[in-house]
Amino acid sequence: MSSVDEAKELICQMCASFYTQGWVSGTGGGMSVKAGDRIVMAPSGVPKERMQPSDMFVLDAAGEILETPVARPAPYKPPKLSECAPLFMSAYQLRDAGAVIHSHSVNAVLATMLTEGASEFHITQLEMIKGIAGHGFYDDLVIPIIENTARECELTDRLQAAIKAYPKSSAVLVRRHGIYVWGPTWVAAKTQAECYDYLFESAIKLRQLGIDTSVAPMHTSPPQAYGHAATNGAEPAAKRAKTAAKPAAIVLDIEGTVAPISYVTEVLYPYAKARLQSHLEATFDDPQTQQDIQLFRLQAEQDSSAPVPPVGSGKGEVVAAVVAAAQADMAADRKGTALKALQGHIWRGGFQGGELVARLYPDVAPALEGWAAAGIKVYIYSSGSRAAQRDLFSHTAAGDLRRHLSGFFDTSSGAKVEKESYDNIALSLGVDAPGDVLFATDSLPEAQAATAAGWRVALTVREGNKPLPESGLPTSQVISSMADLL
């Protein structure tokens, strides 16, 4: 937007249009637009369909008022800056937004209530998802949901936390309240607000028909795996899988296979990192936390690295040493048993408290259900602790999926890039031959180790995964959806 005057005119026009859609009735809702280094913002308590350019507030980039509108004659109320102001400013400052829209749409309100207590709204495979920046038809569109407060300005911390935790999202839902939507321009913000509202309405109506739009329809997947040909020059993966003998057991990796890498790196890891010290301090005397600390002591001894003070040392120095060791492991992307155990216990609190909801690809839940119905046992093998795996699969947007799983394996069975680990797991599964196990992973070294152990392997190619080489793969089965594994 080139000028403040144009922004004032635009907000009046847009809010009049939003009023006809039921987004800003009863003086609620609003809009703000950036014009150069100024931010133009609709006032509070004014019928949005009757606003005039002279009613607008003008703020600087820090949110300080530069221009206050002149009061209009009764029955209009004296001008008041919207209580949404700090929330609008959050989008400008954290996302470099060009415009922000706040809607009280009934569709948005109902979308926050489709699943009681859910911290996310999920939807997939509807055409209008393509209208949301960075998303395509097959993507799992995720919008965070925060709890409402008595006053709008009190939502600021929660909104900012959601914006930081969901870098791919351009909106935040507020339960039983509405939605905040932003974009780099007013056109992008308006377009996305309309697409979001369409998707919310679709989800509500389809739910009435018994259709869950957060779960992909069975046997649907992209025709190609995000730029990497799923056929690898051979017979299509889905067809080849169906001509092979049915496996006795399926073993699944998590990160990049059933859950987006971005969920782990942008949600789970930051969540644990931010709570390392507070968790250790609050639970220091718990036997479980003392076991986690002991694992770091043993790791330090094996590594000949900075030691963790022995049992009986002061709480402060022990916590500081463990936090330093855990942060170093996270910075080095080290997936050791000590770190994974501690992270898992921190995540458990998040899952149980409703702050975390596991984000799986939409094709996963239907596939797990289908394999279980076919009598195939399914297991998980991940670098995350077994306890963390159970917590993740018991707190998904599709509900508790543990009923479809027969067991969990972690690095206590061995490193995921070593053949012996897969030998050990095969013995635990009790299969007649290693070839009776089918392993799905996005990791080439893991696939090579499993192949060396005689397992059947499928490599998964998902958006955001590390690209696979064009040749030299240990398997001809490359898939982009769990629907194609069998």
Protein backbone atom coordinates (compact mmCIF):
# COMPACT_ATOMS: atom_id res chain seq x y z
CA MET A 1 0.00 0.00 0.00
CA SER A 2 1.61 3.23 -1.16
CA SER A 3 -0.06 5.86 1.04
CA VAL A 4 -1.82 6.26 4.37
CA ASP A 5 -4.86 7.82 2.71
CA GLU A 6 -5.24 4.85 0.37
CA ALA A 7 -4.96 2.46 3.32
CA LYS A 8 -7.73 4.33 5.17
CA GLU A 9 -10.04 4.09 2.15
CA LEU A 10 -9.21 0.43 1.66
CA ILE A 11 -10.00 -0.57 5.24
CA CYS A 12 -13.40 1.10 5.01
CA GLN A 13 -14.19 -0.75 1.77
CA MET A 14 -12.93 -4.11 3.03
CA CYS A 15 -14.74 -3.94 6.38
CA ALA A 16 -18.00 -3.01 4.64
CA SER A 17 -17.55 -6.14 2.52
CA PHE A 18 -16.62 -8.26 5.55
CA TYR A 19 -19.79 -7.05 7.31
CA THR A 20 -21.96 -8.55 4.56
CA GLN A 21 -20.18 -11.87 5.14
CA GLY A 22 -20.82 -11.79 8.88
CA TRP A 23 -17.17 -11.39 9.81
CA VAL A 24 -17.32 -7.99 11.58
CA SER A 25 -20.88 -7.64 12.85
CA GLY A 26 -21.72 -5.93 16.13
CA THR A 27 -18.65 -3.64 15.82
CA GLY A 28 -16.41 -6.72 16.32
CA GLY A 29 -13.44 -7.75 14.22
CA GLY A 30 -11.28 -5.38 12.24
CA MET A 31 -8.38 -4.82 9.86
CA SER A 32 -5.05 -3.03 9.68
CA VAL A 33 -2.79 -2.26 6.72
CA LYS A 34 0.85 -1.22 6.47
CA ALA A 35 1.52 1.89 4.37
CA GLY A 36 5.24 2.45 4.08
CA ASP A 37 6.56 2.86 7.62
CA ARG A 38 3.07 3.57 8.98
CA ILE A 39 0.32 1.21 10.09
CA VAL A 40 -3.31 2.19 9.58
CA MET A 41 -5.75 0.50 11.95
CA ALA A 42 -9.54 0.39 12.28
CA PRO A 43 -10.92 1.72 15.60
CA SER A 44 -12.79 -0.24 18.26
CA GLY A 45 -16.50 0.02 19.04
CA VAL A 46 -17.46 1.48 15.65
CA PRO A 47 -19.95 -0.17 13.26
CA LYS A 48 -17.46 -1.54 10.77
CA GLU A 49 -19.82 -1.18 7.81
CA ARG A 50 -20.18 2.57 8.42
CA MET A 51 -16.56 3.54 9.03
CA GLN A 52 -15.05 6.52 7.25
CA PRO A 53 -11.38 7.17 6.41
CA SER A 54 -11.30 9.86 9.10
CA ASP A 55 -12.07 7.18 11.75
CA MET A 56 -8.71 5.43 11.28
CA PHE A 57 -5.78 5.41 13.69
CA VAL A 58 -2.23 5.72 12.36
CA LEU A 59 0.66 4.04 14.22
CA ASP A 60 4.40 3.79 13.74
CA ALA A 61 6.31 0.50 13.32
CA ALA A 62 6.62 0.15 17.10
CA GLY A 63 2.86 0.46 17.62
CA GLU A 64 2.90 4.01 18.98
CA ILE A 65 -0.05 6.20 17.98
CA LEU A 66 0.89 8.97 15.56
CA GLU A 67 -2.60 10.08 14.54
CA THR A 68 -5.84 9.86 16.54
CA PRO A 69 -9.14 10.40 14.71
CA VAL A 70 -11.46 13.26 15.62
CA ALA A 71 -14.59 12.21 17.49
CA ARG A 72 -17.76 11.99 15.43
CA PRO A 73 -21.10 13.36 16.71
CA ALA A 74 -23.39 11.17 18.82
CA PRO A 75 -24.47 8.44 18.73
CA TYR A 76 -20.93 7.46 17.74
CA LYS A 77 -18.57 6.69 20.61
CA PRO A 78 -15.32 8.63 21.10
CA PRO A 79 -12.46 7.10 19.05
CA LYS A 80 -10.64 4.23 20.73
CA LEU A 81 -7.70 2.20 19.47
CA SER A 82 -8.72 -1.40 18.94
CA GLU A 83 -7.83 -3.91 21.65
CA CYS A 84 -6.61 -6.00 18.73
CA ALA A 85 -3.72 -3.54 18.27
CA PRO A 86 -1.03 -5.59 20.09
CA LEU A 87 -2.17 -8.72 18.23
CA PHE A 88 -2.02 -6.95 14.87
CA MET A 89 1.44 -5.66 15.79
CA SER A 90 2.57 -9.20 16.60
CA ALA A 91 1.98 -10.24 12.98
CA TYR A 92 3.78 -7.15 11.69
CA GLN A 93 6.78 -7.60 13.94
CA LEU A 94 7.11 -11.41 13.85
CA ARG A 95 6.04 -12.09 10.25
CA ASP A 96 6.67 -8.79 8.47
CA ALA A 97 2.99 -8.76 7.46
CA GLY A 98 1.61 -6.17 5.09
CA ALA A 99 -1.97 -6.47 6.33
CA VAL A 100 -3.84 -8.27 9.12
CA ILE A 101 -7.53 -9.20 9.28
CA HIS A 102 -9.43 -10.19 12.42
CA SER A 103 -12.71 -11.99 11.77
CA HIS A 104 -15.50 -13.16 14.07
CA SER A 105 -16.77 -15.50 11.37
CA VAL A 106 -19.14 -18.17 12.66
CA ASN A 107 -17.28 -20.70 10.51
CA ALA A 108 -13.99 -19.84 12.23
CA VAL A 109 -15.61 -20.11 15.66
CA LEU A 110 -17.15 -23.51 14.90
CA ALA A 111 -13.87 -24.76 13.42
CA THR A 112 -12.24 -24.32 16.83
CA MET A 113 -14.91 -26.54 18.38
CA LEU A 114 -14.92 -29.48 15.97
CA THR A 115 -12.55 -31.43 18.22
CA GLU A 116 -12.84 -30.66 21.91
CA GLY A 117 -9.58 -29.38 23.36
CA ALA A 118 -7.62 -29.65 20.08
CA SER A 119 -4.71 -27.24 19.76
CA GLU A 120 -4.70 -27.44 15.96
CA PHE A 121 -7.17 -27.43 13.07
CA HIS A 122 -6.22 -29.84 10.28
CA ILE A 123 -7.63 -30.17 6.78
CA THR A 124 -6.36 -31.84 3.61
CA GLN A 125 -7.26 -32.54 -0.02
CA LEU A 126 -9.66 -29.66 -0.68
CA GLU A 127 -8.94 -27.40 -3.64
CA MET A 128 -9.02 -24.12 -1.73
CA ILE A 129 -5.99 -25.19 0.32
CA LYS A 130 -4.01 -24.04 -2.71
CA GLY A 131 -5.06 -20.47 -1.88
CA ILE A 132 -3.00 -20.58 1.32
CA ALA A 133 0.62 -19.54 0.82
CA GLY A 134 3.06 -22.46 0.79
CA HIS A 135 0.41 -25.17 0.53
CA GLY A 136 -0.86 -27.55 -2.13
CA PHE A 137 -3.85 -29.82 -2.55
CA TYR A 138 -2.22 -32.85 -0.91
CA ASP A 139 -0.76 -30.94 2.02
CA ASP A 140 -1.97 -31.15 5.60
CA LEU A 141 -3.01 -27.56 6.31
CA VAL A 142 -2.47 -26.90 10.02
CA ILE A 143 -3.74 -23.83 11.88
CA PRO A 144 -2.93 -23.41 15.58
CA ILE A 145 -5.80 -22.87 18.01
CA ILE A 146 -5.26 -20.79 21.15
CA GLU A 147 -7.61 -20.40 24.08
CA ASN A 148 -9.66 -17.21 24.40
CA THR A 149 -9.35 -14.67 27.22
CA ALA A 150 -11.78 -12.19 28.75
CA ARG A 151 -10.09 -9.26 27.02
CA GLU A 152 -8.60 -9.31 23.54
CA CYS A 153 -5.36 -7.59 24.50
CA GLU A 154 -4.66 -10.43 26.97
CA LEU A 155 -4.31 -12.83 24.02
CA THR A 156 -1.03 -11.29 22.89
CA ASP A 157 1.38 -13.76 24.52
CA ARG A 158 -0.61 -16.77 23.31
CA LEU A 159 -0.82 -15.43 19.77
CA GLN A 160 2.89 -14.68 19.65
CA ALA A 161 3.72 -18.16 20.94
CA ALA A 162 1.55 -19.72 18.21
CA ILE A 163 3.11 -17.55 15.49
CA LYS A 164 6.59 -18.66 16.58
CA ALA A 165 5.63 -22.33 16.93
CA TYR A 166 3.94 -22.52 13.50
CA PRO A 167 6.19 -20.65 11.04
CA LYS A 168 4.33 -22.03 8.03
CA SER A 169 0.92 -20.82 9.20
CA SER A 170 -0.52 -17.45 8.13
CA ALA A 171 -3.36 -17.58 10.64
CA VAL A 172 -4.17 -18.29 14.28
CA LEU A 173 -7.60 -19.44 15.45
CA VAL A 174 -8.94 -18.32 18.83
CA ARG A 175 -11.32 -20.82 20.39
CA ARG A 176 -14.95 -19.65 20.56
CA HIS A 177 -13.84 -16.25 19.26
CA GLY A 178 -12.54 -16.03 15.68
CA ILE A 179 -9.36 -15.85 13.64
CA TYR A 180 -6.39 -13.61 12.85
CA VAL A 181 -5.10 -13.83 9.27
CA TRP A 182 -2.16 -11.97 7.72
CA GLY A 183 -0.29 -11.73 4.44
CA PRO A 184 2.54 -9.78 2.80
CA THR A 185 -0.05 -7.53 1.09
CA TRP A 186 -3.69 -6.67 1.70
CA VAL A 187 -4.61 -8.76 -1.37
CA ALA A 188 -2.84 -11.83 0.07
CA ALA A 189 -4.42 -11.34 3.50
CA LYS A 190 -7.90 -10.97 1.98
CA THR A 191 -7.45 -13.96 -0.33
CA GLN A 192 -6.25 -16.21 2.47
CA ALA A 193 -9.00 -15.05 4.85
CA GLU A 194 -11.59 -16.03 2.22
CA CYS A 195 -9.92 -19.38 1.57
CA TYR A 196 -9.69 -20.16 5.28
CA ASP A 197 -13.37 -19.37 5.76
CA TYR A 198 -14.32 -21.60 2.81
CA LEU A 199 -12.25 -24.45 4.29
CA PHE A 200 -13.78 -24.01 7.75
CA GLU A 201 -17.30 -24.10 6.32
CA SER A 202 -16.43 -27.18 4.26
CA ALA A 203 -15.01 -28.98 7.29
CA ILE A 204 -18.12 -28.22 9.33
CA LYS A 205 -20.55 -29.39 6.66
CA LEU A 206 -18.54 -32.50 5.79
CA ARG A 207 -18.32 -33.41 9.47
CA GLN A 208 -22.13 -33.38 9.52
CA LEU A 209 -21.97 -36.00 6.76
CA GLY A 210 -19.58 -38.11 8.81
CA ILE A 211 -16.51 -37.13 6.75
CA ASP A 212 -13.36 -36.09 8.62
CA THR A 213 -11.48 -33.60 6.43
CA SER A 214 -8.38 -33.82 8.61
CA VAL A 215 -7.76 -37.34 7.27
CA ALA A 216 -6.92 -37.99 3.62
CA PRO A 217 -9.24 -40.27 1.67
CA MET A 218 -7.85 -43.80 1.52
CA HIS A 219 -5.62 -44.62 -1.48
CA THR A 220 -5.03 -41.03 -2.54
CA SER A 221 -1.58 -39.53 -2.94
CA PRO A 222 0.32 -37.14 -5.21
CA PRO A 223 1.08 -38.60 -8.66
CA GLN A 224 4.76 -37.88 -8.02
CA ALA A 225 6.78 -37.55 -4.84
CA TYR A 226 7.43 -33.79 -4.77
CA GLY A 227 9.76 -33.70 -7.71
CA HIS A 228 11.38 -37.14 -7.27
CA ALA A 229 9.80 -39.66 -9.62
CA ALA A 230 8.29 -42.34 -7.42
CA THR A 231 8.85 -45.00 -10.05
CA ASN A 232 12.63 -44.49 -10.26
CA GLY A 233 12.38 -45.62 -13.85
CA ALA A 234 10.70 -48.89 -12.89
CA GLU A 235 7.20 -50.19 -12.33
CA PRO A 236 5.01 -47.82 -10.20
CA ALA A 237 5.62 -48.29 -6.48
CA ALA A 238 2.00 -48.96 -5.58
CA LYS A 239 1.67 -51.69 -8.24
CA ARG A 240 4.98 -53.33 -7.31
CA ALA A 241 4.04 -53.38 -3.64
CA LYS A 242 0.77 -55.13 -4.32
CA THR A 243 2.40 -57.88 -6.39
CA ALA A 244 4.84 -58.69 -3.54
CA ALA A 245 3.97 -61.08 -0.74
CA LYS A 246 2.18 -59.52 2.20
CA PRO A 247 4.71 -58.83 4.97
CA ALA A 248 4.32 -60.37 8.40
CA ALA A 249 5.31 -57.05 9.97
CA ILE A 250 5.67 -53.42 8.96
CA VAL A 251 8.19 -51.21 10.75
CA LEU A 252 7.89 -47.44 10.33
CA ASP A 253 10.28 -44.59 10.92
CA ILE A 254 8.67 -41.38 12.24
CA GLU A 255 10.44 -38.20 11.10
CA GLY A 256 9.99 -37.65 7.37
CA THR A 257 8.00 -40.89 7.02
CA VAL A 258 4.81 -40.60 9.06
CA ALA A 259 5.37 -37.10 10.49
CA PRO A 260 6.73 -33.99 8.74
CA ILE A 261 10.33 -33.15 9.53
CA SER A 262 9.14 -29.59 10.11
CA TYR A 263 6.92 -30.76 12.98
CA VAL A 264 9.92 -32.25 14.73
CA THR A 265 12.38 -29.44 14.00
CA GLU A 266 10.01 -26.47 14.30
CA VAL A 267 7.64 -27.65 17.04
CA LEU A 268 8.95 -30.55 19.15
CA TYR A 269 12.64 -29.59 19.34
CA PRO A 270 12.03 -25.90 20.19
CA TYR A 271 9.37 -26.92 22.73
CA ALA A 272 11.83 -29.17 24.56
CA LYS A 273 14.75 -26.75 24.27
CA ALA A 274 12.76 -23.90 25.79
CA ARG A 275 11.81 -26.07 28.78
CA LEU A 276 15.06 -27.89 29.57
CA GLN A 277 15.92 -25.87 32.64
CA SER A 278 12.38 -25.38 33.97
CA HIS A 279 11.60 -29.09 33.59
CA LEU A 280 14.79 -30.21 35.35
CA GLU A 281 14.29 -27.74 38.17
CA ALA A 282 10.62 -28.59 38.70
CA THR A 283 11.12 -32.38 38.61
CA PHE A 284 14.67 -32.62 39.96
CA ASP A 285 13.79 -34.97 42.82
CA ASP A 286 11.64 -37.31 40.71
CA PRO A 287 13.25 -40.73 40.15
CA GLN A 288 12.56 -40.41 36.41
CA THR A 289 14.48 -37.13 36.15
CA GLN A 290 17.32 -38.55 38.23
CA GLN A 291 17.54 -41.43 35.74
CA ASP A 292 17.71 -38.91 32.86
CA ILE A 293 20.51 -37.04 34.65
CA GLN A 294 22.40 -40.30 35.22
CA LEU A 295 22.25 -41.03 31.47
CA PHE A 296 23.99 -37.71 30.84
CA ARG A 297 26.64 -38.59 33.46
CA LEU A 298 27.34 -41.88 31.69
CA GLN A 299 27.42 -40.17 28.29
CA ALA A 300 29.92 -37.60 29.56
CA GLU A 301 32.16 -40.40 30.88
CA GLN A 302 32.03 -42.22 27.55
CA ASP A 303 32.72 -39.03 25.59
CA SER A 304 35.37 -37.74 28.03
CA SER A 305 33.47 -34.46 27.84
CA ALA A 306 32.52 -31.93 30.53
CA PRO A 307 31.29 -34.04 33.46
CA VAL A 308 27.89 -33.82 35.11
CA PRO A 309 28.38 -33.35 38.89
CA PRO A 310 27.89 -36.58 40.87
CA VAL A 311 24.89 -37.57 42.95
CA GLY A 312 24.62 -35.37 46.01
CA SER A 313 25.89 -32.24 44.28
CA GLY A 314 23.93 -29.01 44.36
CA LYS A 315 20.77 -28.87 42.29
CA GLY A 316 21.81 -25.71 40.46
CA GLU A 317 25.17 -27.00 39.24
CA VAL A 318 23.70 -30.36 38.16
CA VAL A 319 20.86 -28.69 36.23
CA ALA A 320 23.26 -26.26 34.56
CA ALA A 321 25.55 -29.10 33.45
CA VAL A 322 22.70 -31.19 32.04
CA VAL A 323 21.18 -28.21 30.23
CA ALA A 324 24.57 -27.43 28.66
CA ALA A 325 25.06 -31.05 27.58
CA ALA A 326 21.53 -31.32 26.17
CA GLN A 327 21.86 -28.05 24.25
CA ALA A 328 25.18 -29.21 22.81
CA ASP A 329 23.62 -32.49 21.67
CA MET A 330 20.70 -30.64 20.07
CA ALA A 331 23.05 -28.22 18.27
CA ALA A 332 25.02 -31.19 16.91
CA ASP A 333 21.80 -33.06 16.00
CA ARG A 334 23.02 -35.94 18.16
CA LYS A 335 20.29 -38.49 18.75
CA GLY A 336 21.71 -40.06 21.89
CA THR A 337 19.72 -42.02 24.44
CA ALA A 338 20.23 -39.40 27.17
CA LEU A 339 18.85 -36.50 25.13
CA LYS A 340 15.98 -38.50 23.69
CA ALA A 341 14.87 -39.69 27.13
CA LEU A 342 14.88 -36.14 28.52
CA GLN A 343 13.12 -34.70 25.47
CA GLY A 344 10.51 -37.43 25.66
CA HIS A 345 9.66 -36.60 29.25
CA ILE A 346 9.33 -32.91 28.43
CA TRP A 347 7.10 -33.69 25.44
CA ARG A 348 4.95 -35.95 27.61
CA GLY A 349 4.02 -32.96 29.72
CA GLY A 350 3.14 -31.01 26.57
CA PHE A 351 0.98 -33.79 25.15
CA GLN A 352 -0.79 -34.48 28.43
CA GLY A 353 -1.36 -30.77 29.04
CA GLY A 354 -2.80 -30.21 25.56
CA GLU A 355 0.00 -27.89 24.41
CA LEU A 356 1.18 -30.44 21.85
CA VAL A 357 -0.80 -32.46 19.32
CA ALA A 358 1.10 -34.89 17.09
CA ARG A 359 1.05 -33.81 13.47
CA LEU A 360 1.08 -36.86 11.19
CA TYR A 361 0.68 -36.95 7.44
CA PRO A 362 -3.01 -37.34 6.56
CA ASP A 363 -2.43 -40.70 4.85
CA VAL A 364 -1.00 -42.33 7.99
CA ALA A 365 -4.09 -42.95 10.14
CA PRO A 366 -6.12 -44.63 7.34
CA ALA A 367 -3.13 -46.80 6.44
CA LEU A 368 -2.59 -47.94 10.02
CA GLU A 369 -6.25 -48.84 10.30
CA GLY A 370 -6.19 -50.73 7.03
CA TRP A 371 -3.07 -52.73 7.90
CA ALA A 372 -4.49 -53.66 11.29
CA ALA A 373 -7.71 -54.83 9.63
CA ALA A 374 -5.61 -56.97 7.27
CA GLY A 375 -3.91 -58.64 10.23
CA ILE A 376 -0.49 -57.08 9.67
CA LYS A 377 1.41 -56.09 12.79
CA VAL A 378 2.88 -52.59 12.70
CA TYR A 379 5.82 -51.34 14.77
CA ILE A 380 7.67 -48.06 15.14
CA TYR A 381 11.48 -47.70 15.09
CA SER A 382 12.68 -44.20 15.83
CA SER A 383 15.59 -42.44 17.49
CA GLY A 384 13.05 -40.93 19.91
CA SER A 385 12.52 -42.92 23.10
CA ARG A 386 9.80 -45.55 23.17
CA ALA A 387 7.92 -43.52 25.78
CA ALA A 388 8.02 -40.47 23.48
CA GLN A 389 6.77 -42.58 20.58
CA ARG A 390 3.81 -43.81 22.61
CA ASP A 391 2.97 -40.27 23.69
CA LEU A 392 3.12 -39.03 20.11
CA PHE A 393 0.83 -41.70 18.67
CA SER A 394 -1.63 -41.37 21.55
CA HIS A 395 -2.11 -37.62 20.98
CA THR A 396 -2.72 -37.13 17.26
CA ALA A 397 -5.36 -35.05 15.53
CA ALA A 398 -6.91 -38.39 14.47
CA GLY A 399 -7.04 -39.60 18.07
CA ASP A 400 -5.14 -42.34 19.87
CA LEU A 401 -3.57 -44.55 17.18
CA ARG A 402 -1.75 -46.94 19.52
CA ARG A 403 -4.53 -49.49 19.05
CA HIS A 404 -3.15 -50.06 15.53
CA LEU A 405 0.47 -50.54 16.72
CA SER A 406 2.06 -53.68 18.15
CA GLY A 407 5.23 -52.20 19.63
CA PHE A 408 7.95 -49.57 19.67
CA PHE A 409 11.74 -49.71 19.19
CA ASP A 410 14.32 -47.01 19.85
CA THR A 411 18.11 -46.74 19.87
CA SER A 412 18.32 -49.13 22.83
CA SER A 413 17.98 -51.75 20.06
CA GLY A 414 21.01 -50.19 18.35
CA ALA A 415 21.81 -47.28 16.07
CA LYS A 416 19.46 -46.96 13.11
CA VAL A 417 22.33 -46.97 10.59
CA GLU A 418 23.77 -50.32 11.75
CA LYS A 419 22.78 -53.71 10.31
CA GLU A 420 22.93 -55.36 13.75
CA SER A 421 20.09 -53.19 15.00
CA TYR A 422 17.75 -54.60 12.38
CA ASP A 423 18.98 -58.14 13.15
CA ASN A 424 18.05 -57.57 16.82
CA ILE A 425 14.61 -56.22 16.00
CA ALA A 426 13.85 -59.09 13.62
CA LEU A 427 14.60 -61.52 16.44
CA SER A 428 12.23 -59.61 18.72
CA LEU A 429 9.49 -59.69 16.08
CA GLY A 430 9.76 -63.48 15.81
CA VAL A 431 9.43 -63.55 12.01
CA ASP A 432 10.45 -66.67 10.06
CA ALA A 433 12.81 -64.72 7.82
CA PRO A 434 14.14 -61.11 7.69
CA GLY A 435 12.39 -60.66 4.36
CA ASP A 436 9.05 -60.94 6.15
CA VAL A 437 9.62 -57.42 7.53
CA LEU A 438 8.88 -54.29 5.47
CA PHE A 439 10.57 -51.10 6.66
CA ALA A 440 9.57 -47.58 5.55
CA THR A 441 12.03 -44.73 6.11
CA ASP A 442 13.14 -41.49 4.52
CA SER A 443 16.80 -42.11 5.46
CA LEU A 444 19.09 -43.67 2.85
CA PRO A 445 21.65 -44.92 5.45
CA GLU A 446 18.83 -46.54 7.44
CA ALA A 447 17.45 -48.16 4.28
CA GLN A 448 20.92 -49.50 3.44
CA ALA A 449 21.36 -50.97 6.93
CA ALA A 450 17.92 -52.63 6.86
CA THR A 451 18.57 -54.02 3.38
CA ALA A 452 21.87 -55.48 4.59
CA ALA A 453 19.91 -57.26 7.32
CA GLY A 454 17.62 -58.82 4.68
CA TRP A 455 14.58 -56.61 5.28
CA ARG A 456 12.34 -55.32 2.52
CA VAL A 457 12.59 -51.54 2.34
CA ALA A 458 10.52 -48.65 0.98
CA LEU A 459 12.01 -45.17 0.85
CA THR A 460 9.58 -42.34 1.55
CA VAL A 461 9.80 -39.03 -0.25
CA ARG A 462 7.88 -36.23 1.42
CA GLU A 463 7.89 -32.47 1.07
CA GLY A 464 10.80 -31.10 3.08
CA ASN A 465 12.77 -34.38 3.11
CA LYS A 466 16.35 -34.58 1.95
CA PRO A 467 16.34 -35.43 -1.80
CA LEU A 468 17.27 -38.99 -2.73
CA PRO A 469 19.98 -39.70 -5.30
CA GLU A 470 18.76 -40.62 -8.77
CA SER A 471 20.62 -43.96 -8.75
CA GLY A 472 22.20 -46.47 -6.41
CA LEU A 473 19.18 -46.85 -4.12
CA PRO A 474 18.98 -50.07 -2.08
CA THR A 475 15.32 -50.52 -3.11
CA SER A 476 13.16 -49.90 -6.15
CA GLN A 477 10.17 -48.96 -3.99
CA VAL A 478 9.97 -45.20 -3.48
CA ILE A 479 6.66 -43.91 -2.16
CA SER A 480 5.10 -40.57 -1.24
CA SER A 481 2.16 -41.93 0.77
CA MET A 482 1.53 -44.79 3.17
CA ALA A 483 -1.39 -45.71 0.92
CA ASP A 484 1.21 -46.94 -1.59
CA LEU A 485 3.24 -49.09 0.80
CA LEU A 486 1.06 -52.19 0.19
